[in-house]
Amino acid sequence: MDFTEEQLERYSRHIILKDIGVEGQQKIVRGKVLIIGTGGLGAPAALYLAAAGVGTIGLVDGDVVELSNLQRQVIHFTPDVGRPKVLSAKEKIEKINPDVRVLAFHQRATADNILGLIKDFDFIVDGTDNFPAKFLINDACVMGKKPFSHGGILRFDGQTMTYVPGSACYRCIFDSPPPKGAVPSCSQAGILGAVAGMLGTIQAAEAVKFLTGCGELLTNKLLIFNALTMNFRQARVHRAPQCPVCGESPTITTLVDAEQPVCDLKRPPG
């Protein structure tokens, strides 16, 4: 594909990067990324992927904007309160970059629809805020052979990893959701708004790296950080032969919807 003069100027800071260049930017423009959840994580991820020029961005979210969202969900503005999040986000993406095609799905990702939602996309960003959704996204991406970025935040902490077929998946590390009520929700425990921005931006970077093939993805690694101390560390993880979804003898072969209203951060092993 040939870029117009306007596109060359818009994407010039990518194009001059030797690890991206014109060819890498072409890959970005041809790329298709699905963001499940347009809240604290999905909002900054969507903004940066739109600015980067990702050709097609899908948004999945069944919620509407609430006033308490605005402290961290930076794609939504005060006049958006009461509007579907996907429509609010779509509007901002199109204002940032009219080159981007936005597909808005005003619905929850469920066991019945998730395989259909992810099938036409190159990369999935998990921007959800509860364990059932995170395990569902993991299982669907493993079954559908789709790479995805996991992200979890709570209080001042964040964690993220990237899955590609053949690498460790989310269940390789955590196996199954915690007991109901074992982990507080963000509404109960709180969240520093900037933590969502930090982590969502990392997820956007992982998506761009996957599309372009540059750098090293966070595969077989769990990145953990605390914003109070600004301490970042990586924990090495491995694909588990006994993993119930990607292991040698999977016991999870169909998708199910779990009921467990808890937040999205589990403490890493060790």
Protein backbone atom coordinates (compact mmCIF):
# COMPACT_ATOMS: atom_id res chain seq x y z
CA MET A 1 0.00 0.00 0.00
CA ASP A 2 1.12 3.55 -0.65
CA PHE A 3 0.75 6.24 1.99
CA THR A 4 -0.62 9.68 1.19
CA GLU A 5 1.42 12.73 2.07
CA GLU A 6 -0.86 13.31 5.04
CA GLN A 7 -0.36 9.74 6.30
CA LEU A 8 3.40 10.01 5.89
CA GLU A 9 3.33 13.10 8.09
CA ARG A 10 0.90 11.54 10.61
CA TYR A 11 3.01 8.40 11.06
CA SER A 12 6.43 10.00 10.53
CA ARG A 13 7.65 9.30 14.06
CA HIS A 14 7.00 5.60 13.55
CA ILE A 15 8.42 5.54 10.06
CA ILE A 16 11.78 6.97 11.14
CA LEU A 17 12.19 4.20 13.72
CA LYS A 18 14.49 1.62 12.17
CA ASP A 19 12.59 -1.22 13.86
CA ILE A 20 9.29 -0.10 12.31
CA GLY A 21 9.81 2.00 9.19
CA VAL A 22 7.40 2.15 6.27
CA GLU A 23 6.97 -1.63 6.17
CA GLY A 24 6.14 -1.79 9.86
CA GLN A 25 3.65 1.05 9.58
CA GLN A 26 2.00 -0.73 6.67
CA LYS A 27 1.58 -3.76 8.92
CA ILE A 28 0.01 -1.57 11.60
CA VAL A 29 -2.44 -0.05 9.12
CA ARG A 30 -3.41 -3.52 7.91
CA GLY A 31 -3.73 -4.78 11.50
CA LYS A 32 -6.93 -5.66 13.32
CA VAL A 33 -7.06 -5.42 17.12
CA LEU A 34 -10.03 -6.27 19.32
CA ILE A 35 -10.29 -4.58 22.73
CA ILE A 36 -12.60 -6.36 25.16
CA GLY A 37 -13.57 -3.81 27.79
CA THR A 38 -13.36 -0.06 27.15
CA GLY A 39 -12.71 0.93 30.75
CA GLY A 40 -9.53 1.65 32.67
CA LEU A 41 -7.29 -0.53 30.51
CA GLY A 42 -9.16 -0.48 27.24
CA ALA A 43 -9.45 3.31 27.16
CA PRO A 44 -5.72 4.16 26.98
CA ALA A 45 -5.05 1.10 24.81
CA ALA A 46 -7.67 2.27 22.32
CA LEU A 47 -6.31 5.82 22.24
CA TYR A 48 -2.75 4.73 21.49
CA LEU A 49 -3.73 2.06 18.98
CA ALA A 50 -5.87 4.61 17.14
CA ALA A 51 -3.04 7.12 17.15
CA ALA A 52 -0.66 4.43 15.88
CA GLY A 53 -2.94 3.86 12.89
CA VAL A 54 -4.20 0.34 13.53
CA GLY A 55 -6.49 -0.22 10.57
CA THR A 56 -9.38 -1.88 12.36
CA ILE A 57 -10.15 -1.58 16.06
CA GLY A 58 -12.99 -3.60 17.56
CA LEU A 59 -14.56 -2.56 20.88
CA VAL A 60 -16.58 -4.94 23.05
CA ASP A 61 -18.38 -3.64 26.14
CA GLY A 62 -21.96 -3.86 27.37
CA ASP A 63 -21.70 -1.04 29.92
CA VAL A 64 -22.54 2.64 29.84
CA VAL A 65 -20.30 5.44 31.07
CA GLU A 66 -20.66 6.28 34.77
CA LEU A 67 -19.34 9.33 36.58
CA SER A 68 -16.97 7.20 38.68
CA ASN A 69 -15.36 5.88 35.47
CA LEU A 70 -13.95 9.27 34.51
CA GLN A 71 -11.19 9.16 37.13
CA ARG A 72 -9.27 6.66 34.97
CA GLN A 73 -11.18 5.79 31.78
CA VAL A 74 -9.65 8.62 29.79
CA ILE A 75 -11.43 7.98 26.49
CA HIS A 76 -14.75 9.01 28.07
CA PHE A 77 -15.69 12.61 28.90
CA THR A 78 -18.24 14.11 31.29
CA PRO A 79 -20.93 14.57 28.59
CA ASP A 80 -20.62 10.83 27.83
CA VAL A 81 -22.11 9.78 31.17
CA GLY A 82 -25.03 7.46 30.43
CA ARG A 83 -23.86 6.65 26.89
CA PRO A 84 -22.70 3.17 25.80
CA LYS A 85 -18.95 3.00 26.35
CA VAL A 86 -18.29 1.54 22.91
CA LEU A 87 -20.02 4.46 21.19
CA SER A 88 -18.21 7.01 23.34
CA ALA A 89 -14.88 5.34 22.56
CA LYS A 90 -15.67 4.99 18.86
CA GLU A 91 -16.36 8.72 18.63
CA LYS A 92 -12.99 9.63 20.20
CA ILE A 93 -11.04 7.16 18.07
CA GLU A 94 -12.52 8.57 14.87
CA LYS A 95 -11.61 12.09 15.98
CA ILE A 96 -8.04 11.05 16.73
CA ASN A 97 -7.58 9.21 13.45
CA PRO A 98 -10.17 9.07 10.66
CA ASP A 99 -8.10 6.37 8.95
CA VAL A 100 -9.20 3.84 11.59
CA ARG A 101 -12.23 1.62 11.03
CA VAL A 102 -14.01 1.11 14.36
CA LEU A 103 -16.35 -1.81 15.01
CA ALA A 104 -18.45 -1.27 18.13
CA PHE A 105 -20.09 -4.24 19.85
CA HIS A 106 -22.38 -3.02 22.64
CA GLN A 107 -22.50 -6.38 24.42
CA ARG A 108 -20.65 -8.47 26.96
CA ALA A 109 -18.23 -11.11 25.76
CA THR A 110 -19.80 -14.44 26.67
CA ALA A 111 -19.15 -18.11 26.10
CA ASP A 112 -21.71 -18.03 23.30
CA ASN A 113 -20.31 -15.10 21.33
CA ILE A 114 -16.61 -14.70 22.10
CA LEU A 115 -15.23 -17.06 19.46
CA GLY A 116 -17.22 -15.19 16.85
CA LEU A 117 -16.00 -11.85 18.18
CA ILE A 118 -12.29 -12.72 18.10
CA LYS A 119 -12.11 -14.76 14.90
CA ASP A 120 -11.45 -11.90 12.45
CA PHE A 121 -8.88 -10.06 14.57
CA ASP A 122 -5.09 -10.41 14.68
CA PHE A 123 -4.61 -9.54 18.35
CA ILE A 124 -6.86 -9.29 21.41
CA VAL A 125 -6.48 -6.84 24.31
CA ASP A 126 -8.07 -7.96 27.58
CA GLY A 127 -9.29 -4.77 29.21
CA THR A 128 -11.86 -6.44 31.48
CA ASP A 129 -12.13 -6.01 35.24
CA ASN A 130 -13.20 -9.42 36.53
CA PHE A 131 -11.81 -12.93 36.72
CA PRO A 132 -14.60 -14.77 34.86
CA ALA A 133 -14.07 -12.55 31.81
CA LYS A 134 -10.30 -12.94 31.96
CA PHE A 135 -10.43 -16.72 32.11
CA LEU A 136 -13.04 -16.74 29.33
CA ILE A 137 -10.83 -14.57 27.10
CA ASN A 138 -7.83 -16.77 27.84
CA ASP A 139 -9.69 -19.99 27.04
CA ALA A 140 -11.23 -18.57 23.87
CA CYS A 141 -7.90 -17.26 22.60
CA VAL A 142 -6.19 -20.59 23.30
CA MET A 143 -8.95 -22.48 21.52
CA GLY A 144 -9.09 -19.96 18.69
CA LYS A 145 -5.30 -19.73 18.42
CA LYS A 146 -5.37 -15.96 18.91
CA PRO A 147 -2.62 -13.94 20.63
CA PHE A 148 -3.74 -11.64 23.43
CA SER A 149 -2.53 -9.28 26.13
CA HIS A 150 -3.72 -9.89 29.69
CA GLY A 151 -3.85 -6.98 32.10
CA GLY A 152 -4.92 -6.68 35.73
CA ILE A 153 -4.96 -3.70 38.09
CA LEU A 154 -5.92 -3.05 41.72
CA ARG A 155 -5.03 -0.21 44.10
CA PHE A 156 -1.47 0.77 43.05
CA ASP A 157 -0.54 -2.52 41.37
CA GLY A 158 -0.58 -3.82 37.84
CA GLN A 159 0.36 -6.99 36.03
CA THR A 160 0.44 -8.02 32.39
CA MET A 161 1.54 -10.85 30.13
CA THR A 162 1.17 -11.68 26.45
CA TYR A 163 0.02 -15.02 25.10
CA VAL A 164 0.81 -16.37 21.66
CA PRO A 165 -0.02 -19.94 20.61
CA GLY A 166 2.59 -22.23 22.15
CA SER A 167 3.52 -19.94 25.06
CA ALA A 168 2.28 -20.03 28.65
CA CYS A 169 -1.36 -18.99 28.96
CA TYR A 170 -3.12 -17.32 31.88
CA ARG A 171 -4.28 -20.67 33.26
CA CYS A 172 -0.71 -21.99 33.20
CA ILE A 173 -0.03 -19.50 35.98
CA PHE A 174 -3.29 -19.24 37.89
CA ASP A 175 -5.24 -22.37 36.85
CA SER A 176 -8.70 -21.19 37.96
CA PRO A 177 -10.51 -18.17 39.44
CA PRO A 178 -10.12 -17.59 43.19
CA PRO A 179 -12.99 -18.34 45.57
CA LYS A 180 -15.82 -15.85 45.46
CA GLY A 181 -15.03 -12.81 47.60
CA ALA A 182 -11.34 -13.69 48.03
CA VAL A 183 -10.19 -10.64 46.07
CA PRO A 184 -11.89 -7.24 46.49
CA SER A 185 -13.30 -5.37 43.54
CA CYS A 186 -11.85 -2.07 42.35
CA SER A 187 -14.97 -0.35 43.68
CA GLN A 188 -14.22 -1.86 47.10
CA ALA A 189 -10.43 -1.49 47.22
CA GLY A 190 -9.87 1.48 44.90
CA ILE A 191 -7.51 2.06 42.00
CA LEU A 192 -5.05 4.88 41.26
CA GLY A 193 -6.25 6.17 37.91
CA ALA A 194 -2.78 6.53 36.43
CA VAL A 195 -2.09 2.82 37.04
CA ALA A 196 -4.77 1.98 34.49
CA GLY A 197 -3.08 4.31 32.02
CA MET A 198 0.32 2.80 32.65
CA LEU A 199 -0.85 -0.73 32.07
CA GLY A 200 -3.21 -0.03 29.17
CA THR A 201 -0.39 1.75 27.37
CA ILE A 202 1.87 -1.28 27.86
CA GLN A 203 -0.85 -3.46 26.36
CA ALA A 204 -1.07 -1.15 23.34
CA ALA A 205 2.70 -1.41 22.90
CA GLU A 206 2.46 -5.21 22.96
CA ALA A 207 -0.21 -5.11 20.25
CA VAL A 208 1.92 -2.86 18.02
CA LYS A 209 4.98 -5.05 18.61
CA PHE A 210 3.00 -8.12 17.63
CA LEU A 211 1.68 -6.51 14.45
CA THR A 212 5.11 -5.27 13.37
CA GLY A 213 7.23 -8.15 14.66
CA CYS A 214 9.63 -5.76 16.41
CA GLY A 215 11.09 -6.26 19.88
CA GLU A 216 10.31 -8.97 22.41
CA LEU A 217 6.80 -9.69 23.59
CA LEU A 218 5.92 -10.41 27.22
CA THR A 219 5.49 -14.09 26.45
CA ASN A 220 6.40 -16.56 29.20
CA LYS A 221 6.84 -13.52 31.46
CA LEU A 222 4.58 -11.77 33.93
CA LEU A 223 5.38 -8.07 34.29
CA ILE A 224 4.42 -6.76 37.73
CA PHE A 225 4.69 -3.20 38.96
CA ASN A 226 3.73 -1.04 41.93
CA ALA A 227 3.15 2.65 41.30
CA LEU A 228 3.88 3.68 44.90
CA THR A 229 7.47 2.47 44.70
CA MET A 230 7.77 2.46 40.89
CA ASN A 231 9.23 -0.98 41.23
CA PHE A 232 8.92 -3.11 38.07
CA ARG A 233 9.88 -6.76 37.90
CA GLN A 234 9.37 -9.73 35.62
CA ALA A 235 8.57 -13.23 36.76
CA ARG A 236 9.49 -16.02 34.37
CA VAL A 237 6.61 -18.39 33.72
CA HIS A 238 6.39 -21.60 31.77
CA ARG A 239 3.75 -23.45 29.84
CA ALA A 240 2.30 -26.02 32.22
CA PRO A 241 1.95 -29.56 30.81
CA GLN A 242 -1.03 -30.05 33.16
CA CYS A 243 -2.75 -26.78 32.15
CA PRO A 244 -6.47 -27.52 31.83
CA VAL A 245 -6.81 -25.59 28.57
CA CYS A 246 -3.45 -25.64 26.73
CA GLY A 247 -1.75 -28.62 28.38
CA GLU A 248 -1.04 -32.09 27.07
CA SER A 249 -4.47 -33.43 28.06
CA PRO A 250 -6.87 -30.48 28.22
CA THR A 251 -9.90 -30.88 30.45
CA ILE A 252 -11.46 -27.57 29.34
CA THR A 253 -12.73 -28.12 25.82
CA THR A 254 -15.84 -25.93 25.83
CA LEU A 255 -16.36 -22.36 26.96
CA VAL A 256 -18.50 -21.53 29.98
CA ASP A 257 -19.63 -18.35 31.71
CA ALA A 258 -18.68 -18.23 35.38
CA GLU A 259 -20.38 -16.03 37.95
CA GLN A 260 -17.83 -14.36 40.12
CA PRO A 261 -17.92 -10.58 40.67
CA VAL A 262 -14.29 -10.02 41.66
CA CYS A 263 -11.57 -7.74 40.39
CA ASP A 264 -8.80 -8.57 37.99
CA LEU A 265 -5.58 -8.83 39.98
CA LYS A 266 -4.18 -12.02 41.43
CA ARG A 267 -0.90 -12.17 43.23
CA PRO A 268 1.76 -13.86 41.09
CA PRO A 269 3.31 -17.13 42.29
CA GLY A 270 6.31 -16.85 44.58
